[in-house]
């Protein structure tokens, strides 16, 4: 019986060892699968956040570029105020650029957050005020009334300065939205 018992104990030990190894392997496989899943979810979230950041950054850049282009075009229009042909040519180009600015404004506003939306709207309104002041200056120069010209030139210069200030405020708000934890000191 000793040999039988020894064989039975050895067989039982082998079964228990095999079951224990299988159990540990199962637990390790489940743990590895859970960790892989968590890693994939984290990578997906990171990719989504990065995509959102790039989308927001591009919207802000497109808006800033459109505002800069129209601001520059309006400056060109100021330079030719009184020359009807040159002013009309630049005005036609500015209309297309103004439409692009409006489109970019809507996208940048949707990207948020609220402080950026406010800055977007203020910059758009400041550019519109510069647009109106530029057209009124041209009308005054064409009318030939020096008092009107001086008054409208002052209003145009103020609206141009307001547009620059609004652009700076937009850039600051956009930078804060894109890098909220970074305090940049320039």
N, C-alpha and C. Protein backbone atom coordinates (compact mmCIF):
# COMPACT_ATOMS: atom_id res chain seq x y z
N UNK A 1 0.78 -1.18 0.00
CA UNK A 1 0.00 0.00 0.00
C UNK A 1 0.83 1.27 0.00
N UNK A 2 2.03 1.16 0.44
CA UNK A 2 2.86 2.34 0.48
C UNK A 2 3.11 2.89 -0.91
N UNK A 3 3.34 2.06 -1.87
CA UNK A 3 3.60 2.50 -3.23
C UNK A 3 2.33 3.10 -3.83
N UNK A 4 1.18 2.51 -3.50
CA UNK A 4 -0.10 3.01 -4.02
C UNK A 4 -0.39 4.39 -3.43
N UNK A 5 -0.15 4.49 -2.12
CA UNK A 5 -0.39 5.79 -1.48
C UNK A 5 0.56 6.85 -2.02
N UNK A 6 1.76 6.48 -2.23
CA UNK A 6 2.75 7.42 -2.75
C UNK A 6 2.34 7.87 -4.15
N UNK A 7 1.90 6.93 -4.98
CA UNK A 7 1.46 7.26 -6.34
C UNK A 7 0.21 8.14 -6.29
N UNK A 8 -0.71 7.83 -5.39
CA UNK A 8 -1.95 8.60 -5.24
C UNK A 8 -1.64 10.02 -4.75
N UNK A 9 -0.74 10.13 -3.78
CA UNK A 9 -0.36 11.44 -3.26
C UNK A 9 0.36 12.23 -4.36
N UNK A 10 1.23 11.60 -5.12
CA UNK A 10 1.95 12.26 -6.20
C UNK A 10 0.98 12.73 -7.28
N UNK A 11 0.01 11.89 -7.62
CA UNK A 11 -0.98 12.26 -8.64
C UNK A 11 -1.84 13.42 -8.14
N UNK A 12 -2.25 13.33 -6.85
CA UNK A 12 -3.05 14.42 -6.27
C UNK A 12 -2.27 15.72 -6.24
N UNK A 13 -0.98 15.62 -5.88
CA UNK A 13 -0.13 16.82 -5.85
C UNK A 13 0.00 17.42 -7.24
N UNK A 14 0.13 16.57 -8.25
CA UNK A 14 0.25 17.04 -9.62
C UNK A 14 -1.03 17.75 -10.06
N UNK A 15 -2.18 17.18 -9.68
CA UNK A 15 -3.46 17.80 -10.04
C UNK A 15 -3.60 19.15 -9.34
N UNK A 16 -3.27 19.19 -8.04
CA UNK A 16 -3.37 20.45 -7.29
C UNK A 16 -2.40 21.48 -7.86
N UNK A 17 -1.17 21.06 -8.17
CA UNK A 17 -0.19 21.97 -8.74
C UNK A 17 -0.65 22.49 -10.10
N UNK A 18 -1.22 21.60 -10.90
CA UNK A 18 -1.71 22.00 -12.21
C UNK A 18 -2.88 22.98 -12.06
N UNK A 19 -3.78 22.70 -11.14
CA UNK A 19 -4.93 23.58 -10.91
C UNK A 19 -4.46 24.94 -10.39
N UNK A 20 -3.49 24.93 -9.48
CA UNK A 20 -2.96 26.19 -8.93
C UNK A 20 -2.28 27.00 -10.03
N UNK A 21 -1.49 26.35 -10.86
CA UNK A 21 -0.82 27.02 -11.97
C UNK A 21 -1.86 27.59 -12.94
N UNK A 22 -2.88 26.83 -13.24
CA UNK A 22 -3.94 27.29 -14.14
C UNK A 22 -4.67 28.49 -13.56
N UNK A 23 -4.94 28.42 -12.24
CA UNK A 23 -5.63 29.54 -11.60
C UNK A 23 -4.78 30.81 -11.67
N UNK A 24 -3.46 30.70 -11.32
CA UNK A 24 -2.58 31.85 -11.38
C UNK A 24 -2.44 32.37 -12.81
N UNK A 25 -2.39 31.49 -13.78
CA UNK A 25 -2.30 31.89 -15.19
C UNK A 25 -3.55 32.65 -15.60
N UNK A 26 -4.72 32.16 -15.17
CA UNK A 26 -5.98 32.82 -15.48
C UNK A 26 -6.04 34.21 -14.87
N UNK A 27 -5.65 34.31 -13.60
CA UNK A 27 -5.65 35.61 -12.92
C UNK A 27 -4.68 36.56 -13.62
N UNK A 28 -3.49 36.07 -13.97
CA UNK A 28 -2.50 36.91 -14.65
C UNK A 28 -3.01 37.35 -16.03
N UNK A 29 -3.66 36.46 -16.75
CA UNK A 29 -4.20 36.80 -18.07
C UNK A 29 -5.30 37.84 -17.95
N UNK A 30 -6.18 37.69 -16.96
CA UNK A 30 -7.25 38.67 -16.75
C UNK A 30 -6.66 40.03 -16.37
N UNK A 31 -5.68 40.01 -15.52
CA UNK A 31 -5.03 41.26 -15.10
C UNK A 31 -4.37 41.93 -16.30
N UNK A 32 -3.67 41.14 -17.11
CA UNK A 32 -3.02 41.68 -18.29
C UNK A 32 -4.05 42.23 -19.27
N UNK A 33 -5.15 41.53 -19.46
CA UNK A 33 -6.20 41.99 -20.37
C UNK A 33 -6.81 43.30 -19.85
N UNK A 34 -7.05 43.40 -18.54
CA UNK A 34 -7.60 44.62 -17.95
C UNK A 34 -6.63 45.78 -18.12
N UNK A 35 -5.35 45.54 -17.89
CA UNK A 35 -4.35 46.59 -18.04
C UNK A 35 -4.22 47.04 -19.49
N UNK A 36 -4.29 46.08 -20.42
CA UNK A 36 -4.25 46.42 -21.85
C UNK A 36 -5.44 47.29 -22.23
N UNK A 37 -6.61 46.91 -21.73
CA UNK A 37 -7.83 47.67 -22.01
C UNK A 37 -7.71 49.08 -21.45
N UNK A 38 -7.25 49.20 -20.22
CA UNK A 38 -7.08 50.52 -19.61
C UNK A 38 -6.08 51.37 -20.38
N UNK A 39 -5.01 50.74 -20.84
CA UNK A 39 -4.01 51.45 -21.62
C UNK A 39 -4.60 51.93 -22.94
N UNK A 40 -5.38 51.08 -23.61
CA UNK A 40 -5.99 51.47 -24.87
C UNK A 40 -6.99 52.61 -24.67
N UNK A 41 -7.77 52.53 -23.59
CA UNK A 41 -8.72 53.60 -23.29
C UNK A 41 -7.97 54.90 -23.02
N UNK A 42 -6.87 54.83 -22.27
CA UNK A 42 -6.07 56.03 -21.99
C UNK A 42 -5.48 56.60 -23.28
N UNK A 43 -5.00 55.72 -24.16
CA UNK A 43 -4.45 56.20 -25.43
C UNK A 43 -5.53 56.84 -26.29
N UNK A 44 -6.71 56.26 -26.30
CA UNK A 44 -7.82 56.82 -27.06
C UNK A 44 -8.21 58.19 -26.50
N UNK A 45 -8.30 58.29 -25.19
CA UNK A 45 -8.64 59.58 -24.58
C UNK A 45 -7.58 60.62 -24.90
N UNK A 46 -6.32 60.22 -24.83
CA UNK A 46 -5.23 61.15 -25.16
C UNK A 46 -5.35 61.60 -26.62
N UNK A 47 -5.62 60.67 -27.51
CA UNK A 47 -5.76 61.01 -28.93
C UNK A 47 -6.94 61.96 -29.14
N UNK A 48 -8.04 61.73 -28.44
CA UNK A 48 -9.20 62.60 -28.55
C UNK A 48 -8.89 64.00 -28.03
N UNK A 49 -8.21 64.07 -26.91
CA UNK A 49 -7.84 65.37 -26.34
C UNK A 49 -6.88 66.10 -27.27
N UNK A 50 -5.92 65.39 -27.80
CA UNK A 50 -4.96 66.00 -28.73
C UNK A 50 -5.66 66.48 -30.00
N UNK A 51 -6.58 65.68 -30.52
CA UNK A 51 -7.33 66.09 -31.71
C UNK A 51 -8.15 67.34 -31.42
N UNK A 52 -8.80 67.37 -30.28
CA UNK A 52 -9.61 68.52 -29.88
C UNK A 52 -8.73 69.77 -29.74
N UNK A 53 -7.56 69.59 -29.14
CA UNK A 53 -6.63 70.70 -28.97
C UNK A 53 -6.21 71.25 -30.34
N UNK A 54 -5.84 70.35 -31.26
CA UNK A 54 -5.40 70.78 -32.59
C UNK A 54 -6.54 71.45 -33.36
N UNK A 55 -7.75 70.93 -33.20
CA UNK A 55 -8.92 71.51 -33.87
C UNK A 55 -9.15 72.93 -33.35
N UNK A 56 -9.10 73.09 -32.04
CA UNK A 56 -9.31 74.40 -31.42
C UNK A 56 -8.20 75.36 -31.85
N UNK A 57 -6.97 74.88 -31.81
CA UNK A 57 -5.82 75.70 -32.18
C UNK A 57 -5.96 76.18 -33.63
N UNK A 58 -6.36 75.29 -34.52
CA UNK A 58 -6.52 75.65 -35.93
C UNK A 58 -7.63 76.67 -36.11
N UNK A 59 -8.73 76.51 -35.39
CA UNK A 59 -9.84 77.47 -35.49
C UNK A 59 -9.38 78.86 -35.04
N UNK A 60 -8.64 78.91 -33.94
CA UNK A 60 -8.14 80.19 -33.46
C UNK A 60 -7.15 80.80 -34.45
N UNK A 61 -6.28 79.97 -34.99
CA UNK A 61 -5.28 80.46 -35.95
C UNK A 61 -5.96 80.98 -37.22
N UNK A 62 -6.96 80.27 -37.71
CA UNK A 62 -7.67 80.70 -38.91
C UNK A 62 -8.38 82.03 -38.68
N UNK A 63 -8.97 82.18 -37.50
CA UNK A 63 -9.67 83.43 -37.19
C UNK A 63 -8.66 84.58 -37.08
N UNK A 64 -7.57 84.35 -36.37
CA UNK A 64 -6.56 85.41 -36.22
C UNK A 64 -5.99 85.80 -37.57
N UNK A 65 -5.77 84.81 -38.42
CA UNK A 65 -5.23 85.10 -39.75
C UNK A 65 -6.23 85.91 -40.58
N UNK A 66 -7.49 85.50 -40.56
CA UNK A 66 -8.52 86.22 -41.32
C UNK A 66 -8.66 87.65 -40.82
N UNK A 67 -8.60 87.84 -39.50
CA UNK A 67 -8.69 89.18 -38.94
C UNK A 67 -7.48 90.01 -39.36
N UNK A 68 -6.30 89.41 -39.34
CA UNK A 68 -5.10 90.12 -39.74
C UNK A 68 -5.10 90.51 -41.20
N UNK A 69 -5.56 89.61 -42.04
CA UNK A 69 -5.62 89.89 -43.48
C UNK A 69 -6.58 91.04 -43.76
N UNK A 70 -7.77 91.00 -43.15
CA UNK A 70 -8.74 92.07 -43.39
C UNK A 70 -8.25 93.38 -42.78
N UNK A 71 -7.64 93.32 -41.62
CA UNK A 71 -7.08 94.53 -41.00
C UNK A 71 -6.04 95.16 -41.92
N UNK A 72 -5.19 94.34 -42.49
CA UNK A 72 -4.18 94.84 -43.42
C UNK A 72 -4.81 95.43 -44.68
N UNK A 73 -5.82 94.74 -45.19
CA UNK A 73 -6.51 95.24 -46.39
C UNK A 73 -7.17 96.59 -46.11
N UNK A 74 -7.75 96.73 -44.93
CA UNK A 74 -8.36 98.01 -44.57
C UNK A 74 -7.30 99.10 -44.48
N UNK A 75 -6.12 98.74 -43.99
CA UNK A 75 -5.02 99.71 -43.97
C UNK A 75 -4.64 100.14 -45.38
N UNK A 76 -4.65 99.19 -46.31
CA UNK A 76 -4.38 99.53 -47.70
C UNK A 76 -5.46 100.47 -48.25
N UNK A 77 -6.70 100.23 -47.85
CA UNK A 77 -7.80 101.07 -48.30
C UNK A 77 -7.67 102.49 -47.75
N UNK A 78 -7.20 102.61 -46.52
CA UNK A 78 -6.98 103.94 -45.94
C UNK A 78 -5.93 104.69 -46.76
N UNK A 79 -4.91 103.97 -47.17
CA UNK A 79 -3.82 104.60 -47.93
C UNK A 79 -4.29 105.16 -49.27
N UNK A 80 -5.33 104.57 -49.86
CA UNK A 80 -5.82 105.04 -51.16
C UNK A 80 -7.14 105.78 -51.06
N UNK A 81 -7.52 106.15 -49.83
CA UNK A 81 -8.79 106.87 -49.65
C UNK A 81 -8.81 108.10 -50.53
N UNK A 82 -9.89 108.27 -51.26
CA UNK A 82 -10.03 109.39 -52.19
C UNK A 82 -9.79 108.99 -53.63
N UNK A 83 -9.07 107.89 -53.86
CA UNK A 83 -8.86 107.37 -55.20
C UNK A 83 -9.94 106.32 -55.44
N UNK A 84 -11.01 106.73 -56.09
CA UNK A 84 -12.20 105.87 -56.23
C UNK A 84 -11.91 104.53 -56.87
N UNK A 85 -11.11 104.51 -57.92
CA UNK A 85 -10.83 103.26 -58.63
C UNK A 85 -10.04 102.30 -57.74
N UNK A 86 -8.98 102.81 -57.14
CA UNK A 86 -8.15 101.95 -56.28
C UNK A 86 -8.93 101.50 -55.06
N UNK A 87 -9.70 102.41 -54.48
CA UNK A 87 -10.48 102.06 -53.29
C UNK A 87 -11.52 101.00 -53.63
N UNK A 88 -12.20 101.13 -54.77
CA UNK A 88 -13.21 100.15 -55.18
C UNK A 88 -12.59 98.77 -55.40
N UNK A 89 -11.41 98.75 -56.00
CA UNK A 89 -10.73 97.47 -56.23
C UNK A 89 -10.41 96.80 -54.90
N UNK A 90 -9.84 97.56 -53.97
CA UNK A 90 -9.51 97.01 -52.65
C UNK A 90 -10.77 96.65 -51.87
N UNK A 91 -11.83 97.41 -52.07
CA UNK A 91 -13.09 97.13 -51.38
C UNK A 91 -13.66 95.79 -51.82
N UNK A 92 -13.57 95.48 -53.10
CA UNK A 92 -14.05 94.18 -53.59
C UNK A 92 -13.26 93.04 -52.96
N UNK A 93 -11.95 93.20 -52.88
CA UNK A 93 -11.12 92.17 -52.24
C UNK A 93 -11.45 92.07 -50.75
N UNK A 94 -11.66 93.21 -50.13
CA UNK A 94 -11.97 93.23 -48.69
C UNK A 94 -13.31 92.55 -48.39
N UNK A 95 -14.24 92.64 -49.30
CA UNK A 95 -15.55 91.99 -49.07
C UNK A 95 -15.37 90.47 -48.97
N UNK A 96 -14.57 89.91 -49.84
CA UNK A 96 -14.31 88.47 -49.78
C UNK A 96 -13.58 88.11 -48.49
N UNK A 97 -12.63 88.94 -48.11
CA UNK A 97 -11.90 88.68 -46.86
C UNK A 97 -12.79 88.84 -45.64
N UNK A 98 -13.73 89.76 -45.73
CA UNK A 98 -14.69 89.95 -44.62
C UNK A 98 -15.59 88.72 -44.47
N UNK A 99 -15.99 88.15 -45.59
CA UNK A 99 -16.81 86.92 -45.54
C UNK A 99 -16.00 85.78 -44.92
N UNK A 100 -14.73 85.70 -45.25
CA UNK A 100 -13.88 84.66 -44.64
C UNK A 100 -13.73 84.89 -43.14
N UNK A 101 -13.63 86.14 -42.75
CA UNK A 101 -13.53 86.47 -41.33
C UNK A 101 -14.79 86.05 -40.59
N UNK A 102 -15.94 86.30 -41.20
CA UNK A 102 -17.20 85.93 -40.55
C UNK A 102 -17.29 84.42 -40.38
N UNK A 103 -16.90 83.69 -41.40
CA UNK A 103 -16.92 82.23 -41.32
C UNK A 103 -15.97 81.73 -40.23
N UNK A 104 -14.77 82.28 -40.20
CA UNK A 104 -13.79 81.89 -39.19
C UNK A 104 -14.26 82.28 -37.80
N UNK A 105 -14.97 83.40 -37.70
CA UNK A 105 -15.50 83.85 -36.41
C UNK A 105 -16.47 82.82 -35.84
N UNK A 106 -17.34 82.30 -36.68
CA UNK A 106 -18.33 81.33 -36.21
C UNK A 106 -17.64 80.07 -35.68
N UNK A 107 -16.65 79.59 -36.39
CA UNK A 107 -15.94 78.39 -35.97
C UNK A 107 -15.18 78.65 -34.67
N UNK A 108 -14.47 79.77 -34.60
CA UNK A 108 -13.70 80.09 -33.39
C UNK A 108 -14.62 80.28 -32.19
N UNK A 109 -15.79 80.86 -32.41
CA UNK A 109 -16.75 81.04 -31.31
C UNK A 109 -17.25 79.71 -30.80
N UNK A 110 -17.50 78.78 -31.70
CA UNK A 110 -17.99 77.46 -31.30
C UNK A 110 -16.95 76.69 -30.50
N UNK A 111 -15.68 76.93 -30.78
CA UNK A 111 -14.63 76.21 -30.08
C UNK A 111 -14.57 76.57 -28.61
N UNK A 112 -15.02 77.79 -28.26
CA UNK A 112 -15.03 78.18 -26.85
C UNK A 112 -13.63 78.24 -26.29
N UNK A 113 -13.51 78.30 -25.03
CA UNK A 113 -14.47 78.50 -23.95
C UNK A 113 -15.04 79.92 -23.98
N UNK A 114 -15.97 80.23 -23.09
CA UNK A 114 -16.65 81.53 -23.14
C UNK A 114 -15.73 82.76 -23.20
N UNK A 115 -14.62 82.83 -22.45
CA UNK A 115 -13.78 84.02 -22.58
C UNK A 115 -13.22 84.20 -24.00
N UNK A 116 -12.93 83.11 -24.67
CA UNK A 116 -12.45 83.20 -26.04
C UNK A 116 -13.59 83.64 -26.96
N UNK A 117 -14.78 83.12 -26.72
CA UNK A 117 -15.93 83.53 -27.52
C UNK A 117 -16.18 85.03 -27.41
N UNK A 118 -16.05 85.56 -26.22
CA UNK A 118 -16.22 87.00 -26.02
C UNK A 118 -15.13 87.76 -26.77
N UNK A 119 -13.89 87.30 -26.68
CA UNK A 119 -12.78 87.96 -27.37
C UNK A 119 -12.95 87.87 -28.89
N UNK A 120 -13.46 86.75 -29.37
CA UNK A 120 -13.71 86.59 -30.81
C UNK A 120 -14.72 87.64 -31.27
N UNK A 121 -15.81 87.73 -30.52
CA UNK A 121 -16.87 88.68 -30.89
C UNK A 121 -16.36 90.12 -30.85
N UNK A 122 -15.57 90.46 -29.81
CA UNK A 122 -15.04 91.82 -29.70
C UNK A 122 -14.10 92.14 -30.85
N UNK A 123 -13.26 91.19 -31.23
CA UNK A 123 -12.35 91.43 -32.35
C UNK A 123 -13.14 91.60 -33.64
N UNK A 124 -14.13 90.76 -33.85
CA UNK A 124 -14.95 90.87 -35.05
C UNK A 124 -15.63 92.25 -35.11
N UNK A 125 -16.20 92.68 -33.99
CA UNK A 125 -16.88 93.97 -33.95
C UNK A 125 -15.89 95.13 -34.15
N UNK A 126 -14.69 94.98 -33.61
CA UNK A 126 -13.68 96.03 -33.78
C UNK A 126 -13.24 96.12 -35.25
N UNK A 127 -13.08 94.98 -35.89
CA UNK A 127 -12.73 94.99 -37.32
C UNK A 127 -13.87 95.60 -38.13
N UNK A 128 -15.10 95.29 -37.77
CA UNK A 128 -16.26 95.89 -38.46
C UNK A 128 -16.29 97.40 -38.27
N UNK A 129 -15.96 97.87 -37.07
CA UNK A 129 -15.92 99.31 -36.83
C UNK A 129 -14.82 99.95 -37.68
N UNK A 130 -13.68 99.28 -37.80
CA UNK A 130 -12.59 99.78 -38.64
C UNK A 130 -13.04 99.81 -40.10
N UNK A 131 -13.77 98.78 -40.51
CA UNK A 131 -14.33 98.70 -41.88
C UNK A 131 -15.21 99.92 -42.15
N UNK A 132 -16.13 100.18 -41.23
CA UNK A 132 -17.06 101.31 -41.41
C UNK A 132 -16.31 102.64 -41.41
N UNK A 133 -15.38 102.79 -40.48
CA UNK A 133 -14.62 104.04 -40.40
C UNK A 133 -13.80 104.27 -41.66
N UNK A 134 -13.26 103.20 -42.23
CA UNK A 134 -12.47 103.32 -43.45
C UNK A 134 -13.35 103.78 -44.61
N UNK A 135 -14.53 103.21 -44.70
CA UNK A 135 -15.45 103.61 -45.79
C UNK A 135 -15.92 105.05 -45.61
N UNK A 136 -16.19 105.44 -44.35
CA UNK A 136 -16.61 106.83 -44.10
C UNK A 136 -15.47 107.81 -44.40
N UNK A 137 -14.23 107.40 -44.09
CA UNK A 137 -13.08 108.25 -44.40
C UNK A 137 -12.97 108.45 -45.91
N UNK A 138 -13.12 107.38 -46.67
CA UNK A 138 -13.06 107.50 -48.13
C UNK A 138 -14.15 108.45 -48.63
N UNK A 139 -15.36 108.30 -48.10
CA UNK A 139 -16.46 109.18 -48.51
C UNK A 139 -16.13 110.64 -48.18
N UNK A 140 -15.55 110.87 -47.00
CA UNK A 140 -15.20 112.24 -46.59
C UNK A 140 -14.11 112.81 -47.48
N UNK A 141 -13.09 112.00 -47.81
CA UNK A 141 -12.01 112.48 -48.68
C UNK A 141 -12.57 112.80 -50.06
N UNK A 142 -13.46 111.96 -50.55
CA UNK A 142 -14.06 112.19 -51.88
C UNK A 142 -14.95 113.43 -51.88
N UNK A 143 -15.54 113.76 -50.72
CA UNK A 143 -16.41 114.93 -50.65
C UNK A 143 -15.61 116.22 -50.67
N UNK A 144 -14.35 116.16 -50.22
CA UNK A 144 -13.49 117.34 -50.27
C UNK A 144 -13.62 118.28 -49.09
N UNK A 145 -14.34 117.93 -48.07
CA UNK A 145 -14.51 118.78 -46.89
C UNK A 145 -13.41 118.47 -45.88
N UNK A 146 -12.42 119.36 -45.73
CA UNK A 146 -11.28 119.09 -44.84
C UNK A 146 -11.68 118.82 -43.39
N UNK A 147 -12.70 119.48 -42.90
CA UNK A 147 -13.14 119.27 -41.51
C UNK A 147 -13.68 117.85 -41.35
N UNK A 148 -14.45 117.41 -42.33
CA UNK A 148 -14.98 116.04 -42.31
C UNK A 148 -13.86 115.02 -42.41
N UNK A 149 -12.89 115.31 -43.25
CA UNK A 149 -11.76 114.40 -43.45
C UNK A 149 -11.01 114.24 -42.14
N UNK A 150 -10.72 115.34 -41.47
CA UNK A 150 -9.97 115.27 -40.20
C UNK A 150 -10.76 114.50 -39.15
N UNK A 151 -12.05 114.75 -39.08
CA UNK A 151 -12.90 114.05 -38.10
C UNK A 151 -12.93 112.54 -38.37
N UNK A 152 -13.11 112.17 -39.63
CA UNK A 152 -13.19 110.76 -39.98
C UNK A 152 -11.83 110.07 -39.90
N UNK A 153 -10.77 110.82 -40.14
CA UNK A 153 -9.43 110.23 -39.99
C UNK A 153 -9.17 109.91 -38.51
N UNK A 154 -9.60 110.80 -37.63
CA UNK A 154 -9.45 110.55 -36.19
C UNK A 154 -10.26 109.33 -35.77
N UNK A 155 -11.51 109.25 -36.24
CA UNK A 155 -12.36 108.09 -35.92
C UNK A 155 -11.76 106.80 -36.49
N UNK A 156 -11.22 106.88 -37.70
CA UNK A 156 -10.62 105.70 -38.32
C UNK A 156 -9.38 105.25 -37.54
N UNK A 157 -8.55 106.21 -37.14
CA UNK A 157 -7.35 105.86 -36.36
C UNK A 157 -7.72 105.22 -35.03
N UNK A 158 -8.78 105.72 -34.40
CA UNK A 158 -9.22 105.13 -33.13
C UNK A 158 -9.75 103.71 -33.35
N UNK A 159 -10.52 103.54 -34.41
CA UNK A 159 -11.06 102.19 -34.67
C UNK A 159 -9.95 101.22 -35.05
N UNK A 160 -8.92 101.70 -35.72
CA UNK A 160 -7.77 100.86 -36.06
C UNK A 160 -7.04 100.43 -34.78
N UNK A 161 -6.85 101.38 -33.87
CA UNK A 161 -6.19 101.06 -32.59
C UNK A 161 -7.05 100.11 -31.76
N UNK A 162 -8.36 100.30 -31.78
CA UNK A 162 -9.26 99.40 -31.05
C UNK A 162 -9.18 97.98 -31.61
N UNK A 163 -9.08 97.88 -32.92
CA UNK A 163 -8.97 96.55 -33.55
C UNK A 163 -7.68 95.87 -33.14
N UNK A 164 -6.59 96.62 -33.06
CA UNK A 164 -5.32 96.03 -32.61
C UNK A 164 -5.43 95.57 -31.16
N UNK A 165 -6.04 96.39 -30.32
CA UNK A 165 -6.21 96.00 -28.91
C UNK A 165 -7.08 94.76 -28.78
N UNK A 166 -8.13 94.70 -29.58
CA UNK A 166 -9.01 93.53 -29.56
C UNK A 166 -8.28 92.29 -30.05
N UNK A 167 -7.42 92.46 -31.04
CA UNK A 167 -6.62 91.33 -31.53
C UNK A 167 -5.71 90.82 -30.42
N UNK A 168 -5.08 91.73 -29.71
CA UNK A 168 -4.20 91.32 -28.61
C UNK A 168 -4.99 90.61 -27.51
N UNK A 169 -6.19 91.10 -27.22
CA UNK A 169 -7.04 90.46 -26.20
C UNK A 169 -7.47 89.07 -26.66
N UNK A 170 -7.77 88.93 -27.95
CA UNK A 170 -8.13 87.61 -28.47
C UNK A 170 -6.97 86.64 -28.36
N UNK A 171 -5.79 87.09 -28.76
CA UNK A 171 -4.60 86.21 -28.69
C UNK A 171 -4.36 85.78 -27.25
N UNK A 172 -4.48 86.69 -26.33
CA UNK A 172 -4.28 86.35 -24.91
C UNK A 172 -5.31 85.33 -24.44
N UNK A 173 -6.58 85.54 -24.79
CA UNK A 173 -7.63 84.60 -24.40
C UNK A 173 -7.42 83.23 -25.05
N UNK A 174 -7.01 83.23 -26.31
CA UNK A 174 -6.77 81.97 -27.01
C UNK A 174 -5.60 81.22 -26.39
N UNK A 175 -4.54 81.93 -26.07
CA UNK A 175 -3.39 81.28 -25.44
C UNK A 175 -3.77 80.70 -24.08
N UNK A 176 -4.57 81.41 -23.33
CA UNK A 176 -5.00 80.91 -22.03
C UNK A 176 -5.87 79.65 -22.20
N UNK A 177 -6.72 79.65 -23.22
CA UNK A 177 -7.57 78.48 -23.46
C UNK A 177 -6.74 77.28 -23.91
N UNK A 178 -5.71 77.53 -24.70
CA UNK A 178 -4.89 76.44 -25.20
C UNK A 178 -3.89 75.93 -24.18
N UNK A 179 -3.45 76.79 -23.29
CA UNK A 179 -2.45 76.43 -22.28
C UNK A 179 -2.89 76.96 -20.91
N UNK A 180 -3.96 76.42 -20.36
CA UNK A 180 -4.53 77.00 -19.14
C UNK A 180 -3.61 76.94 -17.93
N UNK A 181 -2.71 76.00 -17.88
CA UNK A 181 -1.86 75.86 -16.70
C UNK A 181 -0.54 76.60 -16.83
N UNK A 182 -0.29 77.18 -18.00
CA UNK A 182 0.97 77.85 -18.25
C UNK A 182 0.72 79.36 -18.18
N UNK A 183 1.42 80.02 -17.29
CA UNK A 183 1.36 81.48 -17.21
C UNK A 183 2.57 82.04 -17.91
N UNK A 184 2.34 82.56 -19.11
CA UNK A 184 3.43 83.07 -19.91
C UNK A 184 3.65 84.53 -19.56
N UNK A 185 4.88 84.85 -19.22
CA UNK A 185 5.24 86.25 -18.93
C UNK A 185 6.18 86.71 -20.02
N UNK A 186 5.74 87.73 -20.73
CA UNK A 186 6.55 88.26 -21.84
C UNK A 186 6.94 89.69 -21.53
